[in-house]
Amino acid sequence: MTDELEAKRVRWHSRRGMLELDVLLLPFAEQVYTTLSADDQAIYRRLLECEDPDLFAWFMEHQTPPDAELEAMVNRILERARNR
């Protein structure tokens, strides 16, 4: 899969249909995803495989992801959103 096609697929999967998630994930996918290392891109794609209720709890900081890599990615996305 080409990088451009993969980036489009990631943007599409970042649309969750829940405003609280969309305002965090869509800008990150559109503006940051392609600048990430291959490892971080894989972690972001893994994050997108998670269920919306889990993502919501993590991004609203009610819970933390059980996986340290996912937790770091959630924190990175939240930090970026706070500094926009």
PDB file of N, CA and C in Angstrom:
ATOM      1  N   MET A   1       0.851  -1.179   0.000  1.00  0.00           N
ATOM      2  CA  MET A   1       0.000   0.000   0.000  1.00  0.00           C
ATOM      3  C   MET A   1       0.898   1.244   0.000  1.00  0.00           C
ATOM      4  N   THR A   2       0.557   2.204  -0.838  1.00  0.00           N
ATOM      5  CA  THR A   2       1.374   3.416  -0.894  1.00  0.00           C
ATOM      6  C   THR A   2       1.179   4.241   0.371  1.00  0.00           C
ATOM      7  N   ASP A   3       2.158   5.095   0.653  1.00  0.00           N
ATOM      8  CA  ASP A   3       2.075   5.940   1.842  1.00  0.00           C
ATOM      9  C   ASP A   3       0.860   6.851   1.778  1.00  0.00           C
ATOM     10  N   GLU A   4       0.577   7.411   0.591  1.00  0.00           N
ATOM     11  CA  GLU A   4      -0.567   8.314   0.444  1.00  0.00           C
ATOM     12  C   GLU A   4      -1.882   7.575   0.674  1.00  0.00           C
ATOM     13  N   LEU A   5      -1.998   6.394   0.125  1.00  0.00           N
ATOM     14  CA  LEU A   5      -3.206   5.592   0.321  1.00  0.00           C
ATOM     15  C   LEU A   5      -3.368   5.211   1.791  1.00  0.00           C
ATOM     16  N   GLU A   6      -2.266   4.837   2.422  1.00  0.00           N
ATOM     17  CA  GLU A   6      -2.312   4.485   3.845  1.00  0.00           C
ATOM     18  C   GLU A   6      -2.739   5.689   4.679  1.00  0.00           C
ATOM     19  N   ALA A   7      -2.215   6.876   4.377  1.00  0.00           N
ATOM     20  CA  ALA A   7      -2.579   8.092   5.113  1.00  0.00           C
ATOM     21  C   ALA A   7      -4.066   8.396   4.948  1.00  0.00           C
ATOM     22  N   LYS A   8      -4.593   8.191   3.748  1.00  0.00           N
ATOM     23  CA  LYS A   8      -6.038   8.410   3.522  1.00  0.00           C
ATOM     24  C   LYS A   8      -6.861   7.414   4.321  1.00  0.00           C
ATOM     25  N   ARG A   9      -6.419   6.177   4.352  1.00  0.00           N
ATOM     26  CA  ARG A   9      -7.129   5.143   5.113  1.00  0.00           C
ATOM     27  C   ARG A   9      -7.122   5.489   6.607  1.00  0.00           C
ATOM     28  N   VAL A  10      -5.983   5.955   7.099  1.00  0.00           N
ATOM     29  CA  VAL A  10      -5.865   6.333   8.505  1.00  0.00           C
ATOM     30  C   VAL A  10      -6.790   7.516   8.813  1.00  0.00           C
ATOM     31  N   ARG A  11      -6.828   8.509   7.923  1.00  0.00           N
ATOM     32  CA  ARG A  11      -7.732   9.649   8.130  1.00  0.00           C
ATOM     33  C   ARG A  11      -9.182   9.162   8.192  1.00  0.00           C
ATOM     34  N   TRP A  12      -9.530   8.258   7.291  1.00  0.00           N
ATOM     35  CA  TRP A  12     -10.903   7.736   7.268  1.00  0.00           C
ATOM     36  C   TRP A  12     -11.222   7.011   8.591  1.00  0.00           C
ATOM     37  N   HIS A  13     -10.316   6.202   9.070  1.00  0.00           N
ATOM     38  CA  HIS A  13     -10.553   5.446  10.304  1.00  0.00           C
ATOM     39  C   HIS A  13     -10.470   6.326  11.554  1.00  0.00           C
ATOM     40  N   SER A  14      -9.912   7.528  11.387  1.00  0.00           N
ATOM     41  CA  SER A  14      -9.865   8.472  12.509  1.00  0.00           C
ATOM     42  C   SER A  14     -11.209   9.148  12.724  1.00  0.00           C
ATOM     43  N   ARG A  15     -12.099   9.061  11.740  1.00  0.00           N
ATOM     44  CA  ARG A  15     -13.457   9.609  11.879  1.00  0.00           C
ATOM     45  C   ARG A  15     -14.270   8.601  12.689  1.00  0.00           C
ATOM     46  N   ARG A  16     -14.587   8.967  13.904  1.00  0.00           N
ATOM     47  CA  ARG A  16     -15.251   8.017  14.788  1.00  0.00           C
ATOM     48  C   ARG A  16     -16.747   8.285  14.912  1.00  0.00           C
ATOM     49  N   GLY A  17     -17.202   9.467  14.516  1.00  0.00           N
ATOM     50  CA  GLY A  17     -18.620   9.786  14.650  1.00  0.00           C
ATOM     51  C   GLY A  17     -18.997  10.234  16.051  1.00  0.00           C
ATOM     52  N   MET A  18     -18.002  10.444  16.881  1.00  0.00           N
ATOM     53  CA  MET A  18     -18.223  10.959  18.230  1.00  0.00           C
ATOM     54  C   MET A  18     -17.399  12.246  18.310  1.00  0.00           C
ATOM     55  N   LEU A  19     -18.058  13.375  18.486  1.00  0.00           N
ATOM     56  CA  LEU A  19     -17.391  14.669  18.410  1.00  0.00           C
ATOM     57  C   LEU A  19     -16.134  14.740  19.265  1.00  0.00           C
ATOM     58  N   GLU A  20     -16.214  14.244  20.491  1.00  0.00           N
ATOM     59  CA  GLU A  20     -15.078  14.318  21.415  1.00  0.00           C
ATOM     60  C   GLU A  20     -13.848  13.607  20.848  1.00  0.00           C
ATOM     61  N   LEU A  21     -14.055  12.527  20.115  1.00  0.00           N
ATOM     62  CA  LEU A  21     -12.939  11.801  19.511  1.00  0.00           C
ATOM     63  C   LEU A  21     -12.520  12.438  18.192  1.00  0.00           C
ATOM     64  N   ASP A  22     -13.498  12.859  17.405  1.00  0.00           N
ATOM     65  CA  ASP A  22     -13.185  13.444  16.104  1.00  0.00           C
ATOM     66  C   ASP A  22     -12.332  14.703  16.218  1.00  0.00           C
ATOM     67  N   VAL A  23     -12.598  15.545  17.214  1.00  0.00           N
ATOM     68  CA  VAL A  23     -11.826  16.788  17.340  1.00  0.00           C
ATOM     69  C   VAL A  23     -10.380  16.523  17.761  1.00  0.00           C
ATOM     70  N   LEU A  24     -10.112  15.358  18.297  1.00  0.00           N
ATOM     71  CA  LEU A  24      -8.743  14.982  18.661  1.00  0.00           C
ATOM     72  C   LEU A  24      -8.055  14.191  17.547  1.00  0.00           C
ATOM     73  N   LEU A  25      -8.749  13.190  17.033  1.00  0.00           N
ATOM     74  CA  LEU A  25      -8.125  12.257  16.104  1.00  0.00           C
ATOM     75  C   LEU A  25      -7.983  12.797  14.687  1.00  0.00           C
ATOM     76  N   LEU A  26      -9.007  13.473  14.175  1.00  0.00           N
ATOM     77  CA  LEU A  26      -8.930  13.946  12.789  1.00  0.00           C
ATOM     78  C   LEU A  26      -7.792  14.937  12.565  1.00  0.00           C
ATOM     79  N   PRO A  27      -7.658  15.985  13.371  1.00  0.00           N
ATOM     80  CA  PRO A  27      -6.531  16.894  13.138  1.00  0.00           C
ATOM     81  C   PRO A  27      -5.174  16.191  13.282  1.00  0.00           C
ATOM     82  N   PHE A  28      -5.071  15.273  14.224  1.00  0.00           N
ATOM     83  CA  PHE A  28      -3.823  14.535  14.404  1.00  0.00           C
ATOM     84  C   PHE A  28      -3.520  13.709  13.154  1.00  0.00           C
ATOM     85  N   ALA A  29      -4.526  13.012  12.643  1.00  0.00           N
ATOM     86  CA  ALA A  29      -4.333  12.187  11.446  1.00  0.00           C
ATOM     87  C   ALA A  29      -3.982  13.044  10.237  1.00  0.00           C
ATOM     88  N   GLU A  30      -4.625  14.187  10.114  1.00  0.00           N
ATOM     89  CA  GLU A  30      -4.418  15.040   8.945  1.00  0.00           C
ATOM     90  C   GLU A  30      -3.105  15.801   8.998  1.00  0.00           C
ATOM     91  N   GLN A  31      -2.665  16.196  10.180  1.00  0.00           N
ATOM     92  CA  GLN A  31      -1.521  17.099  10.280  1.00  0.00           C
ATOM     93  C   GLN A  31      -0.259  16.458  10.840  1.00  0.00           C
ATOM     94  N   VAL A  32      -0.388  15.357  11.555  1.00  0.00           N
ATOM     95  CA  VAL A  32       0.782  14.797  12.245  1.00  0.00           C
ATOM     96  C   VAL A  32       1.141  13.391  11.755  1.00  0.00           C
ATOM     97  N   TYR A  33       0.160  12.588  11.424  1.00  0.00           N
ATOM     98  CA  TYR A  33       0.395  11.169  11.140  1.00  0.00           C
ATOM     99  C   TYR A  33       1.557  10.936  10.173  1.00  0.00           C
ATOM    100  N   THR A  34       1.591  11.670   9.066  1.00  0.00           N
ATOM    101  CA  THR A  34       2.627  11.418   8.061  1.00  0.00           C
ATOM    102  C   THR A  34       4.018  11.821   8.535  1.00  0.00           C
ATOM    103  N   THR A  35       4.105  12.606   9.605  1.00  0.00           N
ATOM    104  CA  THR A  35       5.412  13.018  10.131  1.00  0.00           C
ATOM    105  C   THR A  35       5.936  12.041  11.193  1.00  0.00           C
ATOM    106  N   LEU A  36       5.111  11.090  11.607  1.00  0.00           N
ATOM    107  CA  LEU A  36       5.510  10.124  12.634  1.00  0.00           C
ATOM    108  C   LEU A  36       6.477   9.095  12.070  1.00  0.00           C
ATOM    109  N   SER A  37       7.264   8.520  12.943  1.00  0.00           N
ATOM    110  CA  SER A  37       8.119   7.396  12.547  1.00  0.00           C
ATOM    111  C   SER A  37       7.221   6.213  12.173  1.00  0.00           C
ATOM    112  N   ALA A  38       7.792   5.263  11.463  1.00  0.00           N
ATOM    113  CA  ALA A  38       7.023   4.075  11.069  1.00  0.00           C
ATOM    114  C   ALA A  38       6.478   3.353  12.301  1.00  0.00           C
ATOM    115  N   ASP A  39       7.269   3.288  13.371  1.00  0.00           N
ATOM    116  CA  ASP A  39       6.811   2.633  14.600  1.00  0.00           C
ATOM    117  C   ASP A  39       5.634   3.380  15.208  1.00  0.00           C
ATOM    118  N   ASP A  40       5.728   4.712  15.258  1.00  0.00           N
ATOM    119  CA  ASP A  40       4.636   5.505  15.830  1.00  0.00           C
ATOM    120  C   ASP A  40       3.384   5.457  14.948  1.00  0.00           C
ATOM    121  N   GLN A  41       3.577   5.389  13.643  1.00  0.00           N
ATOM    122  CA  GLN A  41       2.422   5.228  12.758  1.00  0.00           C
ATOM    123  C   GLN A  41       1.713   3.906  13.054  1.00  0.00           C
ATOM    124  N   ALA A  42       2.481   2.861  13.277  1.00  0.00           N
ATOM    125  CA  ALA A  42       1.895   1.554  13.599  1.00  0.00           C
ATOM    126  C   ALA A  42       1.139   1.616  14.932  1.00  0.00           C
ATOM    127  N   ILE A  43       1.687   2.335  15.901  1.00  0.00           N
ATOM    128  CA  ILE A  43       1.006   2.478  17.200  1.00  0.00           C
ATOM    129  C   ILE A  43      -0.295   3.251  17.017  1.00  0.00           C
ATOM    130  N   TYR A  44      -0.271   4.317  16.211  1.00  0.00           N
ATOM    131  CA  TYR A  44      -1.494   5.080  15.963  1.00  0.00           C
ATOM    132  C   TYR A  44      -2.549   4.200  15.280  1.00  0.00           C
ATOM    133  N   ARG A  45      -2.133   3.412  14.307  1.00  0.00           N
ATOM    134  CA  ARG A  45      -3.090   2.513  13.637  1.00  0.00           C
ATOM    135  C   ARG A  45      -3.652   1.493  14.631  1.00  0.00           C
ATOM    136  N   ARG A  46      -2.808   1.027  15.547  1.00  0.00           N
ATOM    137  CA  ARG A  46      -3.276   0.093  16.582  1.00  0.00           C
ATOM    138  C   ARG A  46      -4.283   0.779  17.505  1.00  0.00           C
ATOM    139  N   LEU A  47      -4.030   2.050  17.806  1.00  0.00           N
ATOM    140  CA  LEU A  47      -4.971   2.826  18.619  1.00  0.00           C
ATOM    141  C   LEU A  47      -6.332   2.892  17.933  1.00  0.00           C
ATOM    142  N   LEU A  48      -6.331   3.072  16.615  1.00  0.00           N
ATOM    143  CA  LEU A  48      -7.589   3.168  15.874  1.00  0.00           C
ATOM    144  C   LEU A  48      -8.381   1.863  15.878  1.00  0.00           C
ATOM    145  N   GLU A  49      -7.721   0.762  16.171  1.00  0.00           N
ATOM    146  CA  GLU A  49      -8.404  -0.533  16.243  1.00  0.00           C
ATOM    147  C   GLU A  49      -9.184  -0.703  17.547  1.00  0.00           C
ATOM    148  N   CYS A  50      -8.950   0.178  18.506  1.00  0.00           N
ATOM    149  CA  CYS A  50      -9.619   0.080  19.805  1.00  0.00           C
ATOM    150  C   CYS A  50     -11.074   0.541  19.695  1.00  0.00           C
ATOM    151  N   GLU A  51     -11.867   0.082  20.636  1.00  0.00           N
ATOM    152  CA  GLU A  51     -13.289   0.426  20.656  1.00  0.00           C
ATOM    153  C   GLU A  51     -13.490   1.874  21.103  1.00  0.00           C
ATOM    154  N   ASP A  52     -14.518   2.519  20.541  1.00  0.00           N
ATOM    155  CA  ASP A  52     -14.803   3.922  20.869  1.00  0.00           C
ATOM    156  C   ASP A  52     -14.996   4.177  22.366  1.00  0.00           C
ATOM    157  N   PRO A  53     -15.726   3.326  23.109  1.00  0.00           N
ATOM    158  CA  PRO A  53     -15.864   3.595  24.549  1.00  0.00           C
ATOM    159  C   PRO A  53     -14.516   3.623  25.279  1.00  0.00           C
ATOM    160  N   ASP A  54     -13.588   2.754  24.856  1.00  0.00           N
ATOM    161  CA  ASP A  54     -12.254   2.767  25.455  1.00  0.00           C
ATOM    162  C   ASP A  54     -11.518   4.046  25.091  1.00  0.00           C
ATOM    163  N   LEU A  55     -11.556   4.407  23.812  1.00  0.00           N
ATOM    164  CA  LEU A  55     -10.893   5.639  23.373  1.00  0.00           C
ATOM    165  C   LEU A  55     -11.447   6.842  24.127  1.00  0.00           C
ATOM    166  N   PHE A  56     -12.758   6.897  24.244  1.00  0.00           N
ATOM    167  CA  PHE A  56     -13.396   8.010  24.954  1.00  0.00           C
ATOM    168  C   PHE A  56     -12.885   8.088  26.399  1.00  0.00           C
ATOM    169  N   ALA A  57     -12.851   6.955  27.089  1.00  0.00           N
ATOM    170  CA  ALA A  57     -12.391   6.934  28.484  1.00  0.00           C
ATOM    171  C   ALA A  57     -10.930   7.374  28.586  1.00  0.00           C
ATOM    172  N   TRP A  58     -10.119   6.958  27.624  1.00  0.00           N
ATOM    173  CA  TRP A  58      -8.698   7.327  27.657  1.00  0.00           C
ATOM    174  C   TRP A  58      -8.502   8.805  27.360  1.00  0.00           C
ATOM    175  N   PHE A  59      -9.183   9.314  26.339  1.00  0.00           N
ATOM    176  CA  PHE A  59      -8.989  10.710  25.952  1.00  0.00           C
ATOM    177  C   PHE A  59      -9.642  11.683  26.928  1.00  0.00           C
ATOM    178  N   MET A  60     -10.658  11.238  27.635  1.00  0.00           N
ATOM    179  CA  MET A  60     -11.261  12.085  28.661  1.00  0.00           C
ATOM    180  C   MET A  60     -10.533  11.916  29.996  1.00  0.00           C
ATOM    181  N   GLU A  61      -9.500  11.082  29.970  1.00  0.00           N
ATOM    182  CA  GLU A  61      -8.628  10.821  31.120  1.00  0.00           C
ATOM    183  C   GLU A  61      -9.365  10.223  32.316  1.00  0.00           C
ATOM    184  N   HIS A  62     -10.379   9.397  32.005  1.00  0.00           N
ATOM    185  CA  HIS A  62     -11.075   8.640  33.045  1.00  0.00           C
ATOM    186  C   HIS A  62     -10.341   7.340  33.335  1.00  0.00           C
ATOM    187  N   GLN A  63      -9.640   6.844  32.330  1.00  0.00           N
ATOM    188  CA  GLN A  63      -8.855   5.614  32.449  1.00  0.00           C
ATOM    189  C   GLN A  63      -7.579   5.793  31.642  1.00  0.00           C
ATOM    190  N   THR A  64      -6.635   4.879  31.842  1.00  0.00           N
ATOM    191  CA  THR A  64      -5.440   4.873  31.008  1.00  0.00           C
ATOM    192  C   THR A  64      -5.405   3.575  30.217  1.00  0.00           C
ATOM    193  N   PRO A  65      -4.852   3.624  29.021  1.00  0.00           N
ATOM    194  CA  PRO A  65      -4.751   2.392  28.227  1.00  0.00           C
ATOM    195  C   PRO A  65      -3.898   1.358  28.962  1.00  0.00           C
ATOM    196  N   PRO A  66      -4.198   0.087  28.782  1.00  0.00           N
ATOM    197  CA  PRO A  66      -3.448  -0.972  29.456  1.00  0.00           C
ATOM    198  C   PRO A  66      -2.057  -1.166  28.866  1.00  0.00           C
ATOM    199  N   ASP A  67      -1.804  -0.569  27.727  1.00  0.00           N
ATOM    200  CA  ASP A  67      -0.559  -0.745  26.986  1.00  0.00           C
ATOM    201  C   ASP A  67       0.227   0.573  27.027  1.00  0.00           C
ATOM    202  N   ALA A  68       1.492   0.516  27.381  1.00  0.00           N
ATOM    203  CA  ALA A  68       2.314   1.723  27.529  1.00  0.00           C
ATOM    204  C   ALA A  68       2.464   2.492  26.219  1.00  0.00           C
ATOM    205  N   GLU A  69       2.569   1.771  25.099  1.00  0.00           N
ATOM    206  CA  GLU A  69       2.692   2.455  23.805  1.00  0.00           C
ATOM    207  C   GLU A  69       1.421   3.218  23.467  1.00  0.00           C
ATOM    208  N   LEU A  70       0.276   2.603  23.716  1.00  0.00           N
ATOM    209  CA  LEU A  70      -0.993   3.291  23.456  1.00  0.00           C
ATOM    210  C   LEU A  70      -1.155   4.480  24.395  1.00  0.00           C
ATOM    211  N   GLU A  71      -0.757   4.313  25.634  1.00  0.00           N
ATOM    212  CA  GLU A  71      -0.842   5.409  26.594  1.00  0.00           C
ATOM    213  C   GLU A  71       0.016   6.593  26.142  1.00  0.00           C
ATOM    214  N   ALA A  72       1.209   6.309  25.653  1.00  0.00           N
ATOM    215  CA  ALA A  72       2.087   7.375  25.163  1.00  0.00           C
ATOM    216  C   ALA A  72       1.466   8.084  23.960  1.00  0.00           C
ATOM    217  N   MET A  73       0.822   7.322  23.076  1.00  0.00           N
ATOM    218  CA  MET A  73       0.194   7.930  21.898  1.00  0.00           C
ATOM    219  C   MET A  73      -0.997   8.782  22.312  1.00  0.00           C
ATOM    220  N   VAL A  74      -1.817   8.300  23.233  1.00  0.00           N
ATOM    221  CA  VAL A  74      -2.945   9.085  23.739  1.00  0.00           C
ATOM    222  C   VAL A  74      -2.428  10.392  24.334  1.00  0.00           C
ATOM    223  N   ASN A  75      -1.377  10.308  25.135  1.00  0.00           N
ATOM    224  CA  ASN A  75      -0.807  11.508  25.743  1.00  0.00           C
ATOM    225  C   ASN A  75      -0.269  12.475  24.691  1.00  0.00           C
ATOM    226  N   ARG A  76       0.334  11.929  23.658  1.00  0.00           N
ATOM    227  CA  ARG A  76       0.866  12.766  22.579  1.00  0.00           C
ATOM    228  C   ARG A  76      -0.263  13.515  21.865  1.00  0.00           C
ATOM    229  N   ILE A  77      -1.351  12.819  21.586  1.00  0.00           N
ATOM    230  CA  ILE A  77      -2.491  13.434  20.911  1.00  0.00           C
ATOM    231  C   ILE A  77      -3.123  14.502  21.802  1.00  0.00           C
ATOM    232  N   LEU A  78      -3.281  14.188  23.095  1.00  0.00           N
ATOM    233  CA  LEU A  78      -3.853  15.168  24.029  1.00  0.00           C
ATOM    234  C   LEU A  78      -2.958  16.395  24.149  1.00  0.00           C
ATOM    235  N   GLU A  79      -1.656  16.183  24.233  1.00  0.00           N
ATOM    236  CA  GLU A  79      -0.712  17.301  24.354  1.00  0.00           C
ATOM    237  C   GLU A  79      -0.789  18.204  23.135  1.00  0.00           C
ATOM    238  N   ARG A  80      -0.864  17.597  21.969  1.00  0.00           N
ATOM    239  CA  ARG A  80      -0.958  18.385  20.739  1.00  0.00           C
ATOM    240  C   ARG A  80      -2.245  19.201  20.720  1.00  0.00           C
ATOM    241  N   ALA A  81      -3.342  18.574  21.135  1.00  0.00           N
ATOM    242  CA  ALA A  81      -4.639  19.276  21.155  1.00  0.00           C
ATOM    243  C   ALA A  81      -4.616  20.452  22.128  1.00  0.00           C
ATOM    244  N   ARG A  82      -3.955  20.282  23.245  1.00  0.00           N
ATOM    245  CA  ARG A  82      -3.879  21.350  24.240  1.00  0.00           C
ATOM    246  C   ARG A  82      -3.034  22.536  23.757  1.00  0.00           C
ATOM    247  N   ASN A  83      -2.070  22.253  22.901  1.00  0.00           N
ATOM    248  CA  ASN A  83      -1.145  23.297  22.437  1.00  0.00           C
ATOM    249  C   ASN A  83      -1.511  23.892  21.085  1.00  0.00           C
ATOM    250  N   ARG A  84      -2.680  23.559  20.570  1.00  0.00           N
ATOM    251  CA  ARG A  84      -3.091  24.121  19.276  1.00  0.00           C
ATOM    252  C   ARG A  84      -3.460  25.558  19.417  1.00  0.00           C
TER     253      ARG A  84
END
